[in-house]
């Protein structure tokens, strides 16, 4: 049975609200480290996908090339990433994650995980497992689209 339009609307709203709450929990750490949310997204994208060309960065973050270049310049000055020329094609330059960038990721992710742990601490094991299975299935289906 297909979900109703109202159920779909409620699911989207709930996921958006949960994402916003998690985002806000990590934001205080970013401010302390003087890192913008967009810079954090760059770090996360590099960790998940691997080193990125500037074109890849533009596509993954949906930003203009000039914005991506300015962003990469600032991040390189802050020692979060470095530009590395490709061994096979010297014209290709990719952004690589540096130790400080990885530290930022670890700190924010640890804060988010700690917060989630607090939120679900009173869940029964079965409730937690059902929630996790549902979210895993939703994510897998979304990735196929």
N, C-alpha and C. Protein backbone atom coordinates (compact mmCIF):
# COMPACT_ATOMS: atom_id res chain seq x y z
N UNK A 1 0.84 -1.18 0.00
CA UNK A 1 0.00 0.00 0.00
C UNK A 1 0.88 1.24 0.00
N UNK A 2 0.65 2.14 -0.90
CA UNK A 2 1.44 3.36 -1.02
C UNK A 2 1.06 4.33 0.10
N UNK A 3 2.05 5.08 0.60
CA UNK A 3 1.75 6.04 1.66
C UNK A 3 0.90 7.18 1.11
N UNK A 4 0.10 7.74 1.97
CA UNK A 4 -0.72 8.87 1.55
C UNK A 4 0.16 10.11 1.42
N UNK A 5 -0.38 11.10 0.75
CA UNK A 5 0.35 12.36 0.59
C UNK A 5 0.63 12.98 1.96
N UNK A 6 -0.31 12.87 2.88
CA UNK A 6 -0.15 13.43 4.22
C UNK A 6 0.98 12.72 4.98
N UNK A 7 1.06 11.39 4.88
CA UNK A 7 2.13 10.65 5.56
C UNK A 7 3.50 11.01 4.98
N UNK A 8 3.56 11.15 3.67
CA UNK A 8 4.80 11.54 3.02
C UNK A 8 5.23 12.93 3.48
N UNK A 9 4.28 13.83 3.57
CA UNK A 9 4.55 15.19 4.04
C UNK A 9 5.08 15.16 5.47
N UNK A 10 4.46 14.38 6.34
CA UNK A 10 4.89 14.27 7.74
C UNK A 10 6.30 13.67 7.84
N UNK A 11 6.59 12.67 7.03
CA UNK A 11 7.92 12.04 7.05
C UNK A 11 8.99 13.04 6.63
N UNK A 12 8.75 13.76 5.54
CA UNK A 12 9.72 14.75 5.07
C UNK A 12 9.95 15.81 6.13
N UNK A 13 8.88 16.30 6.73
CA UNK A 13 9.00 17.34 7.75
C UNK A 13 9.76 16.83 8.97
N UNK A 14 9.49 15.62 9.39
CA UNK A 14 10.15 15.04 10.55
C UNK A 14 11.64 14.83 10.29
N UNK A 15 11.98 14.32 9.11
CA UNK A 15 13.39 14.13 8.76
C UNK A 15 14.11 15.48 8.69
N UNK A 16 13.46 16.49 8.12
CA UNK A 16 14.06 17.82 8.02
C UNK A 16 14.30 18.41 9.40
N UNK A 17 13.31 18.28 10.30
CA UNK A 17 13.46 18.81 11.66
C UNK A 17 14.59 18.10 12.40
N UNK A 18 14.65 16.76 12.27
CA UNK A 18 15.72 16.00 12.95
C UNK A 18 17.09 16.42 12.42
N UNK A 19 17.19 16.60 11.11
CA UNK A 19 18.45 17.03 10.51
C UNK A 19 18.85 18.42 11.01
N UNK A 20 17.90 19.31 11.12
CA UNK A 20 18.18 20.66 11.61
C UNK A 20 18.68 20.63 13.05
N UNK A 21 18.07 19.81 13.87
CA UNK A 21 18.49 19.68 15.27
C UNK A 21 19.92 19.15 15.35
N UNK A 22 20.22 18.11 14.59
CA UNK A 22 21.59 17.57 14.58
C UNK A 22 22.59 18.61 14.07
N UNK A 23 22.19 19.32 13.03
CA UNK A 23 23.04 20.36 12.45
C UNK A 23 23.38 21.41 13.51
N UNK A 24 22.37 21.85 14.25
CA UNK A 24 22.58 22.86 15.28
C UNK A 24 23.49 22.36 16.39
N UNK A 25 23.40 21.08 16.73
CA UNK A 25 24.25 20.52 17.79
C UNK A 25 25.73 20.58 17.41
N UNK A 26 26.02 20.36 16.16
CA UNK A 26 27.41 20.41 15.71
C UNK A 26 27.90 21.81 15.43
N UNK A 27 26.97 22.74 15.22
CA UNK A 27 27.34 24.10 14.82
C UNK A 27 28.16 24.83 15.89
N UNK A 28 27.87 24.61 17.17
CA UNK A 28 28.62 25.31 18.22
C UNK A 28 30.10 24.94 18.18
N UNK A 29 30.38 23.68 17.90
CA UNK A 29 31.78 23.25 17.78
C UNK A 29 32.42 23.91 16.58
N UNK A 30 31.68 24.00 15.48
CA UNK A 30 32.22 24.64 14.28
C UNK A 30 32.57 26.10 14.56
N UNK A 31 31.70 26.79 15.29
CA UNK A 31 31.97 28.20 15.61
C UNK A 31 33.22 28.33 16.47
N UNK A 32 33.37 27.42 17.44
CA UNK A 32 34.57 27.45 18.29
C UNK A 32 35.83 27.25 17.47
N UNK A 33 35.74 26.44 16.42
CA UNK A 33 36.90 26.14 15.58
C UNK A 33 37.01 27.10 14.40
N UNK A 34 36.08 28.06 14.32
CA UNK A 34 36.03 29.03 13.23
C UNK A 34 35.92 28.36 11.87
N UNK A 35 35.01 27.39 11.80
CA UNK A 35 34.74 26.66 10.57
C UNK A 35 33.28 26.91 10.19
N UNK A 36 33.02 27.21 8.93
CA UNK A 36 31.64 27.42 8.49
C UNK A 36 30.96 26.08 8.21
N UNK A 37 29.65 26.12 8.17
CA UNK A 37 28.88 24.91 7.87
C UNK A 37 29.24 24.39 6.48
N UNK A 38 29.46 25.29 5.53
CA UNK A 38 29.83 24.87 4.18
C UNK A 38 31.20 24.21 4.17
N UNK A 39 32.14 24.74 4.94
CA UNK A 39 33.45 24.11 5.04
C UNK A 39 33.33 22.71 5.65
N UNK A 40 32.48 22.57 6.67
CA UNK A 40 32.25 21.26 7.26
C UNK A 40 31.71 20.29 6.21
N UNK A 41 30.78 20.77 5.39
CA UNK A 41 30.22 19.91 4.34
C UNK A 41 31.28 19.48 3.34
N UNK A 42 32.23 20.36 3.05
CA UNK A 42 33.34 20.00 2.16
C UNK A 42 34.15 18.87 2.80
N UNK A 43 34.50 19.04 4.07
CA UNK A 43 35.28 18.02 4.77
C UNK A 43 34.56 16.69 4.78
N UNK A 44 33.27 16.72 5.06
CA UNK A 44 32.48 15.50 5.11
C UNK A 44 32.40 14.84 3.74
N UNK A 45 32.24 15.65 2.70
CA UNK A 45 32.16 15.12 1.34
C UNK A 45 33.48 14.46 0.95
N UNK A 46 34.61 15.09 1.28
CA UNK A 46 35.91 14.50 0.96
C UNK A 46 36.08 13.18 1.71
N UNK A 47 35.67 13.15 2.97
CA UNK A 47 35.80 11.91 3.74
C UNK A 47 34.95 10.80 3.13
N UNK A 48 33.73 11.13 2.72
CA UNK A 48 32.81 10.11 2.22
C UNK A 48 33.13 9.66 0.79
N UNK A 49 33.55 10.60 -0.05
CA UNK A 49 33.76 10.30 -1.47
C UNK A 49 35.23 10.07 -1.80
N UNK A 50 36.10 10.81 -1.12
CA UNK A 50 37.52 10.77 -1.42
C UNK A 50 37.95 12.11 -1.97
N UNK A 51 39.22 12.26 -2.31
CA UNK A 51 39.72 13.54 -2.82
C UNK A 51 38.86 14.03 -3.99
N UNK A 52 38.61 15.34 -4.01
CA UNK A 52 37.71 15.94 -5.01
C UNK A 52 38.42 16.96 -5.88
N UNK A 53 38.10 16.94 -7.17
CA UNK A 53 38.52 18.03 -8.04
C UNK A 53 37.61 19.21 -7.74
N UNK A 54 37.97 20.38 -8.21
CA UNK A 54 37.13 21.55 -7.99
C UNK A 54 35.77 21.36 -8.68
N UNK A 55 35.77 20.74 -9.84
CA UNK A 55 34.51 20.46 -10.52
C UNK A 55 33.61 19.54 -9.71
N UNK A 56 34.22 18.50 -9.12
CA UNK A 56 33.46 17.58 -8.26
C UNK A 56 32.90 18.32 -7.06
N UNK A 57 33.71 19.21 -6.50
CA UNK A 57 33.28 19.98 -5.35
C UNK A 57 32.06 20.83 -5.69
N UNK A 58 32.10 21.50 -6.83
CA UNK A 58 30.97 22.32 -7.29
C UNK A 58 29.70 21.48 -7.42
N UNK A 59 29.83 20.33 -8.05
CA UNK A 59 28.68 19.46 -8.27
C UNK A 59 28.11 18.92 -6.98
N UNK A 60 28.98 18.49 -6.05
CA UNK A 60 28.52 17.88 -4.81
C UNK A 60 27.92 18.88 -3.83
N UNK A 61 28.38 20.13 -3.88
CA UNK A 61 27.88 21.14 -2.94
C UNK A 61 26.89 22.10 -3.59
N UNK A 62 26.69 21.96 -4.90
CA UNK A 62 25.76 22.81 -5.64
C UNK A 62 26.14 24.29 -5.49
N UNK A 63 27.43 24.58 -5.68
CA UNK A 63 27.90 25.95 -5.62
C UNK A 63 28.60 26.31 -6.92
N UNK A 64 28.72 27.60 -7.17
CA UNK A 64 29.42 28.08 -8.36
C UNK A 64 30.91 27.79 -8.22
N UNK A 65 31.59 27.67 -9.35
CA UNK A 65 33.03 27.37 -9.34
C UNK A 65 33.82 28.44 -8.60
N UNK A 66 33.43 29.71 -8.75
CA UNK A 66 34.15 30.78 -8.05
C UNK A 66 33.98 30.63 -6.53
N UNK A 67 32.79 30.23 -6.10
CA UNK A 67 32.54 30.01 -4.68
C UNK A 67 33.39 28.85 -4.17
N UNK A 68 33.46 27.78 -4.94
CA UNK A 68 34.24 26.61 -4.55
C UNK A 68 35.73 26.95 -4.46
N UNK A 69 36.21 27.74 -5.39
CA UNK A 69 37.62 28.13 -5.39
C UNK A 69 37.94 28.98 -4.15
N UNK A 70 37.09 29.96 -3.86
CA UNK A 70 37.29 30.79 -2.66
C UNK A 70 37.25 29.94 -1.39
N UNK A 71 36.32 29.02 -1.35
CA UNK A 71 36.17 28.12 -0.22
C UNK A 71 37.42 27.26 -0.04
N UNK A 72 37.91 26.69 -1.13
CA UNK A 72 39.11 25.85 -1.08
C UNK A 72 40.32 26.67 -0.63
N UNK A 73 40.42 27.92 -1.11
CA UNK A 73 41.52 28.79 -0.71
C UNK A 73 41.51 29.01 0.80
N UNK A 74 40.34 29.36 1.35
CA UNK A 74 40.22 29.60 2.79
C UNK A 74 40.53 28.34 3.59
N UNK A 75 40.03 27.20 3.11
CA UNK A 75 40.25 25.94 3.82
C UNK A 75 41.71 25.51 3.78
N UNK A 76 42.37 25.81 2.68
CA UNK A 76 43.79 25.48 2.56
C UNK A 76 44.61 26.36 3.51
N UNK A 77 44.26 27.66 3.59
CA UNK A 77 44.95 28.56 4.53
C UNK A 77 44.73 28.13 5.98
N UNK A 78 43.57 27.55 6.26
CA UNK A 78 43.26 27.07 7.62
C UNK A 78 43.80 25.68 7.89
N UNK A 79 44.50 25.12 6.91
CA UNK A 79 45.12 23.79 7.01
C UNK A 79 44.10 22.68 7.26
N UNK A 80 42.94 22.82 6.63
CA UNK A 80 41.91 21.77 6.68
C UNK A 80 42.07 20.81 5.52
N UNK A 81 42.46 21.35 4.37
CA UNK A 81 42.64 20.56 3.15
C UNK A 81 43.92 21.02 2.46
N UNK A 82 44.35 20.23 1.49
CA UNK A 82 45.45 20.65 0.63
C UNK A 82 45.13 20.27 -0.80
N UNK A 83 45.65 21.07 -1.73
CA UNK A 83 45.50 20.76 -3.14
C UNK A 83 46.68 19.88 -3.54
N UNK A 84 46.37 18.77 -4.22
CA UNK A 84 47.41 17.84 -4.65
C UNK A 84 47.23 17.56 -6.13
N UNK A 85 48.31 17.71 -6.89
CA UNK A 85 48.25 17.39 -8.32
C UNK A 85 48.22 15.88 -8.51
N UNK A 86 47.43 15.45 -9.49
CA UNK A 86 47.31 14.03 -9.81
C UNK A 86 48.62 13.53 -10.42
N UNK A 87 49.05 12.34 -10.01
CA UNK A 87 50.30 11.77 -10.53
C UNK A 87 50.22 11.47 -12.03
N UNK A 88 49.04 11.03 -12.48
CA UNK A 88 48.89 10.61 -13.87
C UNK A 88 48.60 11.78 -14.82
N UNK A 89 47.89 12.78 -14.32
CA UNK A 89 47.57 13.94 -15.15
C UNK A 89 47.81 15.20 -14.32
N UNK A 90 48.92 15.85 -14.53
CA UNK A 90 49.32 16.99 -13.71
C UNK A 90 48.36 18.17 -13.80
N UNK A 91 47.47 18.16 -14.81
CA UNK A 91 46.48 19.24 -14.92
C UNK A 91 45.38 19.10 -13.88
N UNK A 92 45.20 17.88 -13.37
CA UNK A 92 44.14 17.61 -12.41
C UNK A 92 44.65 17.88 -10.99
N UNK A 93 43.90 18.69 -10.26
CA UNK A 93 44.23 19.02 -8.88
C UNK A 93 43.06 18.59 -8.01
N UNK A 94 43.36 17.87 -6.94
CA UNK A 94 42.31 17.39 -6.04
C UNK A 94 42.52 17.91 -4.63
N UNK A 95 41.40 18.12 -3.94
CA UNK A 95 41.45 18.51 -2.53
C UNK A 95 41.53 17.27 -1.68
N UNK A 96 42.52 17.24 -0.80
CA UNK A 96 42.71 16.14 0.13
C UNK A 96 42.50 16.63 1.55
N UNK A 97 41.98 15.78 2.38
CA UNK A 97 41.74 16.09 3.79
C UNK A 97 43.07 16.07 4.55
N UNK A 98 43.28 17.09 5.37
CA UNK A 98 44.46 17.13 6.24
C UNK A 98 44.05 16.74 7.67
N UNK A 99 45.04 16.56 8.53
CA UNK A 99 44.79 16.12 9.91
C UNK A 99 43.83 17.05 10.64
N UNK A 100 44.01 18.36 10.50
CA UNK A 100 43.12 19.31 11.19
C UNK A 100 41.68 19.18 10.67
N UNK A 101 41.52 18.96 9.40
CA UNK A 101 40.17 18.76 8.83
C UNK A 101 39.53 17.52 9.41
N UNK A 102 40.33 16.48 9.55
CA UNK A 102 39.82 15.24 10.13
C UNK A 102 39.45 15.44 11.60
N UNK A 103 40.23 16.24 12.32
CA UNK A 103 39.94 16.53 13.73
C UNK A 103 38.60 17.26 13.87
N UNK A 104 38.35 18.20 12.96
CA UNK A 104 37.07 18.92 12.97
C UNK A 104 35.92 17.94 12.77
N UNK A 105 36.06 17.09 11.78
CA UNK A 105 35.02 16.08 11.52
C UNK A 105 34.76 15.21 12.74
N UNK A 106 35.84 14.72 13.33
CA UNK A 106 35.70 13.84 14.50
C UNK A 106 35.00 14.54 15.65
N UNK A 107 35.35 15.80 15.90
CA UNK A 107 34.74 16.54 17.01
C UNK A 107 33.25 16.74 16.80
N UNK A 108 32.87 17.15 15.60
CA UNK A 108 31.45 17.41 15.33
C UNK A 108 30.66 16.11 15.35
N UNK A 109 31.18 15.08 14.72
CA UNK A 109 30.48 13.79 14.69
C UNK A 109 30.34 13.21 16.10
N UNK A 110 31.38 13.35 16.90
CA UNK A 110 31.33 12.86 18.28
C UNK A 110 30.23 13.59 19.07
N UNK A 111 30.13 14.90 18.88
CA UNK A 111 29.09 15.68 19.57
C UNK A 111 27.70 15.23 19.12
N UNK A 112 27.52 15.04 17.83
CA UNK A 112 26.22 14.60 17.32
C UNK A 112 25.87 13.21 17.85
N UNK A 113 26.85 12.32 17.88
CA UNK A 113 26.60 10.96 18.37
C UNK A 113 26.29 10.98 19.87
N UNK A 114 26.98 11.81 20.60
CA UNK A 114 26.71 11.94 22.03
C UNK A 114 25.28 12.42 22.26
N UNK A 115 24.88 13.42 21.51
CA UNK A 115 23.52 13.96 21.60
C UNK A 115 22.49 12.88 21.27
N UNK A 116 22.71 12.16 20.17
CA UNK A 116 21.78 11.08 19.81
C UNK A 116 21.72 10.02 20.90
N UNK A 117 22.86 9.70 21.48
CA UNK A 117 22.90 8.74 22.57
C UNK A 117 22.02 9.15 23.74
N UNK A 118 22.07 10.46 24.06
CA UNK A 118 21.23 10.99 25.13
C UNK A 118 19.75 10.86 24.78
N UNK A 119 19.42 11.18 23.53
CA UNK A 119 18.02 11.16 23.09
C UNK A 119 17.44 9.76 23.13
N UNK A 120 18.23 8.76 22.74
CA UNK A 120 17.68 7.40 22.63
C UNK A 120 18.01 6.50 23.82
N UNK A 121 18.61 7.08 24.86
CA UNK A 121 19.02 6.25 25.99
C UNK A 121 17.87 5.51 26.65
N UNK A 122 16.66 6.04 26.56
CA UNK A 122 15.51 5.38 27.19
C UNK A 122 14.75 4.46 26.23
N UNK A 123 15.24 4.34 25.00
CA UNK A 123 14.62 3.43 24.05
C UNK A 123 14.87 1.99 24.50
N UNK A 124 13.88 1.15 24.31
CA UNK A 124 14.11 -0.29 24.48
C UNK A 124 14.95 -0.75 23.30
N UNK A 125 15.71 -1.83 23.48
CA UNK A 125 16.55 -2.34 22.39
C UNK A 125 15.74 -2.57 21.12
N UNK A 126 14.55 -3.11 21.24
CA UNK A 126 13.72 -3.38 20.07
C UNK A 126 13.32 -2.08 19.37
N UNK A 127 12.98 -1.04 20.12
CA UNK A 127 12.62 0.25 19.52
C UNK A 127 13.81 0.82 18.75
N UNK A 128 14.98 0.75 19.35
CA UNK A 128 16.19 1.24 18.70
C UNK A 128 16.46 0.46 17.41
N UNK A 129 16.39 -0.86 17.48
CA UNK A 129 16.66 -1.70 16.31
C UNK A 129 15.65 -1.44 15.19
N UNK A 130 14.37 -1.26 15.54
CA UNK A 130 13.35 -0.97 14.52
C UNK A 130 13.60 0.38 13.87
N UNK A 131 13.95 1.38 14.68
CA UNK A 131 14.25 2.71 14.14
C UNK A 131 15.44 2.63 13.19
N UNK A 132 16.49 1.99 13.64
CA UNK A 132 17.70 1.87 12.82
C UNK A 132 17.41 1.13 11.51
N UNK A 133 16.70 0.02 11.58
CA UNK A 133 16.38 -0.75 10.37
C UNK A 133 15.55 0.09 9.40
N UNK A 134 14.59 0.83 9.92
CA UNK A 134 13.75 1.68 9.06
C UNK A 134 14.57 2.77 8.38
N UNK A 135 15.46 3.40 9.13
CA UNK A 135 16.29 4.46 8.55
C UNK A 135 17.29 3.91 7.55
N UNK A 136 17.85 2.74 7.83
CA UNK A 136 18.78 2.10 6.87
C UNK A 136 18.04 1.79 5.57
N UNK A 137 16.86 1.22 5.69
CA UNK A 137 16.08 0.87 4.49
C UNK A 137 15.71 2.14 3.71
N UNK A 138 15.28 3.18 4.41
CA UNK A 138 14.93 4.44 3.75
C UNK A 138 16.15 5.00 3.01
N UNK A 139 17.29 5.00 3.66
CA UNK A 139 18.51 5.53 3.05
C UNK A 139 18.90 4.72 1.82
N UNK A 140 18.83 3.41 1.93
CA UNK A 140 19.18 2.56 0.77
C UNK A 140 18.25 2.83 -0.41
N UNK A 141 16.98 2.99 -0.15
CA UNK A 141 16.03 3.25 -1.24
C UNK A 141 16.24 4.63 -1.84
N UNK A 142 16.58 5.59 -0.99
CA UNK A 142 16.85 6.93 -1.50
C UNK A 142 18.10 6.94 -2.38
N UNK A 143 19.11 6.16 -1.99
CA UNK A 143 20.34 6.10 -2.78
C UNK A 143 20.12 5.46 -4.16
N UNK A 144 19.10 4.65 -4.29
CA UNK A 144 18.81 4.00 -5.57
C UNK A 144 18.08 4.93 -6.53
N UNK A 145 17.52 6.00 -6.04
CA UNK A 145 16.75 6.93 -6.88
C UNK A 145 17.62 7.96 -7.54
